[in-house]
Amino acid sequence: SSGINAEYGDSSLSPLLFSIAALCTSLIVVYTNMGHPTVKEVQEKMQELINKYIELSKQDPEAEPSWQVLSKSGETKIYRKEEQKGDVLMDFLVATTLVEGVTAAEMTEVFHSKELKLKWDHTIEGDKLLETLDDHCAVYHQILKRVWPAAQRDIVYASHKQQLDIQSGEEHPSWIVCNVSCDHPSKPESDSSYTRASIEVVMFCQTIGKGPS
């Protein structure tokens, strides 16, 4: 990770640390019967969304009976729950894991960067930058590989990466990436030859450092 450290390292890390790890929580929300917000609406509500995702990411699925365990393997755990909100069925998936030797900043960059994502996410057929909104957020059009017999899907989404303020009891800043479906005038759903999917995907990461003691 030394190459990534040089560019995306965490300046709060002490030189006395000899071991680091990133504690990662990934939240996926799949929903039906819900329209997509515009890019402007996503931008205006991004901080509100971030606050909501942080609270969801900090929930302990083991302590709540509404969460169903899907898989446990070493440090990786996957949970699922469903919620009905009016006419909308929301399917939540949460995965937690510990990645040794990297920081939260590095993990979120690998998750956020289009170039790096194409190296590890083999479900993607194509990914195109549509618009850079600011230093933290950009809009992408992504085509997913077809999984037979379902129709091939595409996604238009805003991807926002942000370093969070250090909270009480924390030694290092946490990082978050939010990928939220939206509409964009350059890729209207009506012109798509694919089935337009809807996503809310979040990666919330915390750096854990261990010193000589």
C-alpha atoms as a PDB file:
ATOM      1  CA  SER A   1       0.000   0.000   0.000  1.00  0.00           C
ATOM      2  CA  SER A   2       3.038   2.318   0.051  1.00  0.00           C
ATOM      3  CA  GLY A   3       2.230   3.774  -3.368  1.00  0.00           C
ATOM      4  CA  ILE A   4      -1.315   4.592  -2.369  1.00  0.00           C
ATOM      5  CA  ASN A   5      -0.123   5.883   1.018  1.00  0.00           C
ATOM      6  CA  ALA A   6       1.983   8.546  -0.665  1.00  0.00           C
ATOM      7  CA  GLU A   7      -1.027  10.046  -2.435  1.00  0.00           C
ATOM      8  CA  TYR A   8      -3.974   9.175  -0.183  1.00  0.00           C
ATOM      9  CA  GLY A   9      -2.265   8.744   3.194  1.00  0.00           C
ATOM     10  CA  ASP A  10      -3.733   9.922   6.483  1.00  0.00           C
ATOM     11  CA  SER A  11      -1.735  12.861   7.842  1.00  0.00           C
ATOM     12  CA  SER A  12      -3.059  12.154  11.351  1.00  0.00           C
ATOM     13  CA  LEU A  13      -1.144   8.870  11.599  1.00  0.00           C
ATOM     14  CA  SER A  14       1.640   8.901  14.182  1.00  0.00           C
ATOM     15  CA  PRO A  15       5.137   7.717  13.145  1.00  0.00           C
ATOM     16  CA  LEU A  16       5.077   5.524  16.285  1.00  0.00           C
ATOM     17  CA  LEU A  17       2.385   3.306  14.766  1.00  0.00           C
ATOM     18  CA  PHE A  18       3.725   0.026  13.428  1.00  0.00           C
ATOM     19  CA  SER A  19       0.433  -1.558  12.401  1.00  0.00           C
ATOM     20  CA  ILE A  20      -2.655  -0.069  10.768  1.00  0.00           C
ATOM     21  CA  ALA A  21      -5.926  -1.459   9.509  1.00  0.00           C
ATOM     22  CA  ALA A  22      -9.135  -0.120   7.986  1.00  0.00           C
ATOM     23  CA  LEU A  23     -12.413  -1.117   9.627  1.00  0.00           C
ATOM     24  CA  CYS A  24     -14.924  -0.971   6.777  1.00  0.00           C
ATOM     25  CA  THR A  25     -18.698  -1.041   6.748  1.00  0.00           C
ATOM     26  CA  SER A  26     -20.453  -1.221   3.383  1.00  0.00           C
ATOM     27  CA  LEU A  27     -24.177  -0.452   3.237  1.00  0.00           C
ATOM     28  CA  ILE A  28     -26.269  -1.299   0.172  1.00  0.00           C
ATOM     29  CA  VAL A  29     -29.901  -0.215  -0.157  1.00  0.00           C
ATOM     30  CA  VAL A  30     -31.936  -1.719  -2.984  1.00  0.00           C
ATOM     31  CA  TYR A  31     -35.389  -0.268  -3.492  1.00  0.00           C
ATOM     32  CA  THR A  32     -38.321  -0.509  -5.888  1.00  0.00           C
ATOM     33  CA  ASN A  33     -41.095   1.844  -7.033  1.00  0.00           C
ATOM     34  CA  MET A  34     -39.076   4.977  -6.281  1.00  0.00           C
ATOM     35  CA  GLY A  35     -38.075   7.688  -8.766  1.00  0.00           C
ATOM     36  CA  HIS A  36     -34.571   9.118  -9.047  1.00  0.00           C
ATOM     37  CA  PRO A  37     -33.699  12.584  -7.718  1.00  0.00           C
ATOM     38  CA  THR A  38     -31.974  15.104  -9.954  1.00  0.00           C
ATOM     39  CA  VAL A  39     -28.246  15.798  -9.587  1.00  0.00           C
ATOM     40  CA  LYS A  40     -29.059  19.124  -7.911  1.00  0.00           C
ATOM     41  CA  GLU A  41     -31.369  17.422  -5.402  1.00  0.00           C
ATOM     42  CA  VAL A  42     -28.677  14.861  -4.547  1.00  0.00           C
ATOM     43  CA  GLN A  43     -26.102  17.619  -4.028  1.00  0.00           C
ATOM     44  CA  GLU A  44     -28.439  19.632  -1.795  1.00  0.00           C
ATOM     45  CA  LYS A  45     -29.254  16.602   0.364  1.00  0.00           C
ATOM     46  CA  MET A  46     -25.803  14.971   0.400  1.00  0.00           C
ATOM     47  CA  GLN A  47     -24.882  16.018   3.948  1.00  0.00           C
ATOM     48  CA  GLU A  48     -28.267  14.807   5.175  1.00  0.00           C
ATOM     49  CA  LEU A  49     -27.668  11.496   3.399  1.00  0.00           C
ATOM     50  CA  ILE A  50     -24.149  11.226   4.853  1.00  0.00           C
ATOM     51  CA  ASN A  51     -25.482  11.732   8.392  1.00  0.00           C
ATOM     52  CA  LYS A  52     -28.129   9.051   7.814  1.00  0.00           C
ATOM     53  CA  TYR A  53     -25.604   6.600   6.398  1.00  0.00           C
ATOM     54  CA  ILE A  54     -23.162   7.158   9.263  1.00  0.00           C
ATOM     55  CA  GLU A  55     -25.857   6.282  11.790  1.00  0.00           C
ATOM     56  CA  LEU A  56     -26.895   3.198   9.792  1.00  0.00           C
ATOM     57  CA  SER A  57     -23.261   2.128   9.426  1.00  0.00           C
ATOM     58  CA  LYS A  58     -22.720   2.307  13.188  1.00  0.00           C
ATOM     59  CA  GLN A  59     -25.678   0.077  14.011  1.00  0.00           C
ATOM     60  CA  ASP A  60     -24.777  -3.323  15.427  1.00  0.00           C
ATOM     61  CA  PRO A  61     -26.718  -5.931  13.411  1.00  0.00           C
ATOM     62  CA  GLU A  62     -25.892  -8.534  16.058  1.00  0.00           C
ATOM     63  CA  ALA A  63     -27.906  -6.550  18.613  1.00  0.00           C
ATOM     64  CA  GLU A  64     -30.997  -6.032  16.438  1.00  0.00           C
ATOM     65  CA  PRO A  65     -33.332  -8.954  15.636  1.00  0.00           C
ATOM     66  CA  SER A  66     -34.474  -7.275  12.394  1.00  0.00           C
ATOM     67  CA  TRP A  67     -31.091  -8.097  10.805  1.00  0.00           C
ATOM     68  CA  GLN A  68     -30.604 -11.557   9.279  1.00  0.00           C
ATOM     69  CA  VAL A  69     -27.107 -13.076   9.101  1.00  0.00           C
ATOM     70  CA  LEU A  70     -26.251 -14.055   5.517  1.00  0.00           C
ATOM     71  CA  SER A  71     -22.592 -14.972   5.904  1.00  0.00           C
ATOM     72  CA  LYS A  72     -19.704 -14.964   8.376  1.00  0.00           C
ATOM     73  CA  SER A  73     -16.137 -15.705   7.338  1.00  0.00           C
ATOM     74  CA  GLY A  74     -13.210 -14.519   9.449  1.00  0.00           C
ATOM     75  CA  GLU A  75     -13.452 -10.732   9.850  1.00  0.00           C
ATOM     76  CA  THR A  76     -16.125 -10.438   7.143  1.00  0.00           C
ATOM     77  CA  LYS A  77     -19.801 -10.467   8.136  1.00  0.00           C
ATOM     78  CA  ILE A  78     -22.845  -9.832   5.918  1.00  0.00           C
ATOM     79  CA  TYR A  79     -26.345  -9.001   7.154  1.00  0.00           C
ATOM     80  CA  ARG A  80     -29.706  -8.245   5.530  1.00  0.00           C
ATOM     81  CA  LYS A  81     -33.050  -6.733   6.505  1.00  0.00           C
ATOM     82  CA  GLU A  82     -36.175  -5.509   4.701  1.00  0.00           C
ATOM     83  CA  GLU A  83     -38.272  -2.441   5.484  1.00  0.00           C
ATOM     84  CA  GLN A  84     -41.588  -1.373   3.970  1.00  0.00           C
ATOM     85  CA  LYS A  85     -42.018   2.405   3.747  1.00  0.00           C
ATOM     86  CA  GLY A  86     -45.376   3.147   2.189  1.00  0.00           C
ATOM     87  CA  ASP A  87     -45.349   1.590  -1.275  1.00  0.00           C
ATOM     88  CA  VAL A  88     -41.568   1.246  -1.263  1.00  0.00           C
ATOM     89  CA  LEU A  89     -39.860  -2.006  -0.282  1.00  0.00           C
ATOM     90  CA  MET A  90     -36.308  -1.315   0.887  1.00  0.00           C
ATOM     91  CA  ASP A  91     -33.778  -4.138   1.087  1.00  0.00           C
ATOM     92  CA  PHE A  92     -30.727  -3.342   3.254  1.00  0.00           C
ATOM     93  CA  LEU A  93     -27.433  -5.243   3.038  1.00  0.00           C
ATOM     94  CA  VAL A  94     -24.569  -4.499   5.431  1.00  0.00           C
ATOM     95  CA  ALA A  95     -21.072  -5.974   5.224  1.00  0.00           C
ATOM     96  CA  THR A  96     -18.299  -5.332   7.749  1.00  0.00           C
ATOM     97  CA  THR A  97     -14.643  -6.339   7.477  1.00  0.00           C
ATOM     98  CA  LEU A  98     -11.147  -5.449   8.687  1.00  0.00           C
ATOM     99  CA  VAL A  99      -8.440  -4.840   6.069  1.00  0.00           C
ATOM    100  CA  GLU A 100      -4.896  -4.986   7.437  1.00  0.00           C
ATOM    101  CA  GLY A 101      -2.141  -2.641   6.267  1.00  0.00           C
ATOM    102  CA  VAL A 102      -4.245   0.167   4.778  1.00  0.00           C
ATOM    103  CA  THR A 103      -5.908   3.341   6.040  1.00  0.00           C
ATOM    104  CA  ALA A 104      -9.520   4.447   5.750  1.00  0.00           C
ATOM    105  CA  ALA A 105      -8.418   7.066   3.206  1.00  0.00           C
ATOM    106  CA  GLU A 106      -6.855   4.392   0.996  1.00  0.00           C
ATOM    107  CA  MET A 107      -9.847   2.057   1.175  1.00  0.00           C
ATOM    108  CA  THR A 108     -12.337   4.749   0.230  1.00  0.00           C
ATOM    109  CA  GLU A 109     -10.150   5.885  -2.677  1.00  0.00           C
ATOM    110  CA  VAL A 110     -10.075   2.334  -4.075  1.00  0.00           C
ATOM    111  CA  PHE A 111     -13.861   2.210  -3.708  1.00  0.00           C
ATOM    112  CA  HIS A 112     -14.450   5.696  -5.174  1.00  0.00           C
ATOM    113  CA  SER A 113     -11.955   5.942  -8.045  1.00  0.00           C
ATOM    114  CA  LYS A 114     -13.339   4.902 -11.431  1.00  0.00           C
ATOM    115  CA  GLU A 115      -9.922   3.711 -12.623  1.00  0.00           C
ATOM    116  CA  LEU A 116      -9.251   1.617  -9.505  1.00  0.00           C
ATOM    117  CA  LYS A 117     -12.830   0.274  -9.336  1.00  0.00           C
ATOM    118  CA  LEU A 118     -12.534  -1.256 -12.816  1.00  0.00           C
ATOM    119  CA  LYS A 119      -9.529  -3.269 -11.602  1.00  0.00           C
ATOM    120  CA  TRP A 120     -11.439  -5.125  -8.863  1.00  0.00           C
ATOM    121  CA  ASP A 121     -15.183  -4.907  -9.616  1.00  0.00           C
ATOM    122  CA  HIS A 122     -15.732  -7.474 -12.355  1.00  0.00           C
ATOM    123  CA  THR A 123     -19.501  -6.884 -12.518  1.00  0.00           C
ATOM    124  CA  ILE A 124     -18.885  -3.642 -14.442  1.00  0.00           C
ATOM    125  CA  GLU A 125     -18.870  -3.654 -18.254  1.00  0.00           C
ATOM    126  CA  GLY A 126     -18.329   0.078 -18.666  1.00  0.00           C
ATOM    127  CA  ASP A 127     -18.061   3.224 -16.536  1.00  0.00           C
ATOM    128  CA  LYS A 128     -18.141   6.776 -17.927  1.00  0.00           C
ATOM    129  CA  LEU A 129     -17.683  10.106 -16.158  1.00  0.00           C
ATOM    130  CA  LEU A 130     -20.644  12.375 -17.014  1.00  0.00           C
ATOM    131  CA  GLU A 131     -19.895  15.439 -14.890  1.00  0.00           C
ATOM    132  CA  THR A 132     -17.548  16.585 -12.125  1.00  0.00           C
ATOM    133  CA  LEU A 133     -19.669  18.514  -9.628  1.00  0.00           C
ATOM    134  CA  ASP A 134     -16.937  19.577  -7.186  1.00  0.00           C
ATOM    135  CA  ASP A 135     -13.751  18.273  -5.539  1.00  0.00           C
ATOM    136  CA  HIS A 136     -15.757  15.632  -3.664  1.00  0.00           C
ATOM    137  CA  CYS A 137     -18.484  14.552  -6.072  1.00  0.00           C
ATOM    138  CA  ALA A 138     -18.923  13.391  -9.662  1.00  0.00           C
ATOM    139  CA  VAL A 139     -21.683  11.771 -11.734  1.00  0.00           C
ATOM    140  CA  TYR A 140     -21.091   8.506 -13.602  1.00  0.00           C
ATOM    141  CA  HIS A 141     -22.942   6.257 -16.046  1.00  0.00           C
ATOM    142  CA  GLN A 142     -22.197   2.612 -15.357  1.00  0.00           C
ATOM    143  CA  ILE A 143     -23.163  -0.441 -17.422  1.00  0.00           C
ATOM    144  CA  LEU A 144     -23.307  -3.733 -15.547  1.00  0.00           C
ATOM    145  CA  LYS A 145     -22.548  -7.090 -17.097  1.00  0.00           C
ATOM    146  CA  ARG A 146     -25.651  -9.099 -17.851  1.00  0.00           C
ATOM    147  CA  VAL A 147     -26.577 -11.893 -15.450  1.00  0.00           C
ATOM    148  CA  TRP A 148     -28.810 -14.308 -17.361  1.00  0.00           C
ATOM    149  CA  PRO A 149     -31.820 -14.456 -17.480  1.00  0.00           C
ATOM    150  CA  ALA A 150     -32.262 -10.895 -16.140  1.00  0.00           C
ATOM    151  CA  ALA A 151     -32.090  -7.928 -18.495  1.00  0.00           C
ATOM    152  CA  GLN A 152     -28.797  -6.041 -18.623  1.00  0.00           C
ATOM    153  CA  ARG A 153     -28.797  -3.017 -16.333  1.00  0.00           C
ATOM    154  CA  ASP A 154     -27.246   0.423 -16.222  1.00  0.00           C
ATOM    155  CA  ILE A 155     -26.945   3.018 -13.453  1.00  0.00           C
ATOM    156  CA  VAL A 156     -26.547   6.784 -13.347  1.00  0.00           C
ATOM    157  CA  TYR A 157     -25.249   7.833  -9.953  1.00  0.00           C
ATOM    158  CA  ALA A 158     -23.511  10.581  -8.016  1.00  0.00           C
ATOM    159  CA  SER A 159     -20.391   9.420  -6.140  1.00  0.00           C
ATOM    160  CA  HIS A 160     -19.320  11.566  -3.193  1.00  0.00           C
ATOM    161  CA  LYS A 161     -16.136  10.998  -1.123  1.00  0.00           C
ATOM    162  CA  GLN A 162     -15.466  12.913   2.080  1.00  0.00           C
ATOM    163  CA  GLN A 163     -13.201  12.922   5.113  1.00  0.00           C
ATOM    164  CA  LEU A 164     -15.292  13.239   8.273  1.00  0.00           C
ATOM    165  CA  ASP A 165     -14.480  15.316  11.328  1.00  0.00           C
ATOM    166  CA  ILE A 166     -12.747  13.451  14.142  1.00  0.00           C
ATOM    167  CA  GLN A 167     -15.324  12.581  16.797  1.00  0.00           C
ATOM    168  CA  SER A 168     -14.845  12.231  20.545  1.00  0.00           C
ATOM    169  CA  GLY A 169     -12.931   9.047  21.318  1.00  0.00           C
ATOM    170  CA  GLU A 170     -11.476   8.745  17.800  1.00  0.00           C
ATOM    171  CA  GLU A 171      -7.764   9.121  17.017  1.00  0.00           C
ATOM    172  CA  HIS A 172      -8.013   9.300  13.229  1.00  0.00           C
ATOM    173  CA  PRO A 173     -10.581  10.751  10.811  1.00  0.00           C
ATOM    174  CA  SER A 174     -13.142   8.452   9.253  1.00  0.00           C
ATOM    175  CA  TRP A 175     -13.944   8.525   5.531  1.00  0.00           C
ATOM    176  CA  ILE A 176     -17.156   7.880   3.642  1.00  0.00           C
ATOM    177  CA  VAL A 177     -18.164   7.289   0.017  1.00  0.00           C
ATOM    178  CA  CYS A 178     -21.820   7.633  -1.002  1.00  0.00           C
ATOM    179  CA  ASN A 179     -23.029   6.378  -4.394  1.00  0.00           C
ATOM    180  CA  VAL A 180     -26.629   7.492  -4.990  1.00  0.00           C
ATOM    181  CA  SER A 181     -28.796   7.037  -8.099  1.00  0.00           C
ATOM    182  CA  CYS A 182     -29.845  10.237  -9.834  1.00  0.00           C
ATOM    183  CA  ASP A 183     -31.078  11.544 -13.168  1.00  0.00           C
ATOM    184  CA  HIS A 184     -28.690  13.310 -15.545  1.00  0.00           C
ATOM    185  CA  PRO A 185     -29.724  15.114 -18.764  1.00  0.00           C
ATOM    186  CA  SER A 186     -26.959  13.476 -20.813  1.00  0.00           C
ATOM    187  CA  LYS A 187     -28.232   9.938 -19.996  1.00  0.00           C
ATOM    188  CA  PRO A 188     -32.040  10.018 -19.665  1.00  0.00           C
ATOM    189  CA  GLU A 189     -33.651   6.722 -18.732  1.00  0.00           C
ATOM    190  CA  SER A 190     -36.004   6.986 -21.717  1.00  0.00           C
ATOM    191  CA  ASP A 191     -33.022   6.763 -24.115  1.00  0.00           C
ATOM    192  CA  SER A 192     -31.408   3.776 -22.403  1.00  0.00           C
ATOM    193  CA  SER A 193     -31.364   0.371 -24.078  1.00  0.00           C
ATOM    194  CA  TYR A 194     -30.801  -1.170 -20.639  1.00  0.00           C
ATOM    195  CA  THR A 195     -33.002  -1.557 -17.572  1.00  0.00           C
ATOM    196  CA  ARG A 196     -32.144   1.400 -15.308  1.00  0.00           C
ATOM    197  CA  ALA A 197     -31.240   0.209 -11.798  1.00  0.00           C
ATOM    198  CA  SER A 198     -31.542   2.197  -8.560  1.00  0.00           C
ATOM    199  CA  ILE A 199     -28.814   2.123  -5.908  1.00  0.00           C
ATOM    200  CA  GLU A 200     -27.652   3.602  -2.648  1.00  0.00           C
ATOM    201  CA  VAL A 201     -24.213   2.207  -1.817  1.00  0.00           C
ATOM    202  CA  VAL A 202     -22.074   3.499   1.038  1.00  0.00           C
ATOM    203  CA  MET A 203     -18.553   2.688   2.203  1.00  0.00           C
ATOM    204  CA  PHE A 204     -17.775   3.945   5.722  1.00  0.00           C
ATOM    205  CA  CYS A 205     -14.184   3.398   6.913  1.00  0.00           C
ATOM    206  CA  GLN A 206     -12.262   3.995  10.126  1.00  0.00           C
ATOM    207  CA  THR A 207      -8.482   3.752  10.578  1.00  0.00           C
ATOM    208  CA  ILE A 208      -7.270   1.606  13.458  1.00  0.00           C
ATOM    209  CA  GLY A 209      -3.651   2.087  14.546  1.00  0.00           C
ATOM    210  CA  LYS A 210      -1.578  -0.025  16.924  1.00  0.00           C
ATOM    211  CA  GLY A 211       1.506   1.315  18.663  1.00  0.00           C
ATOM    212  CA  PRO A 212       4.468  -0.451  20.295  1.00  0.00           C
ATOM    213  CA  SER A 213       2.460  -0.954  23.481  1.00  0.00           C
END
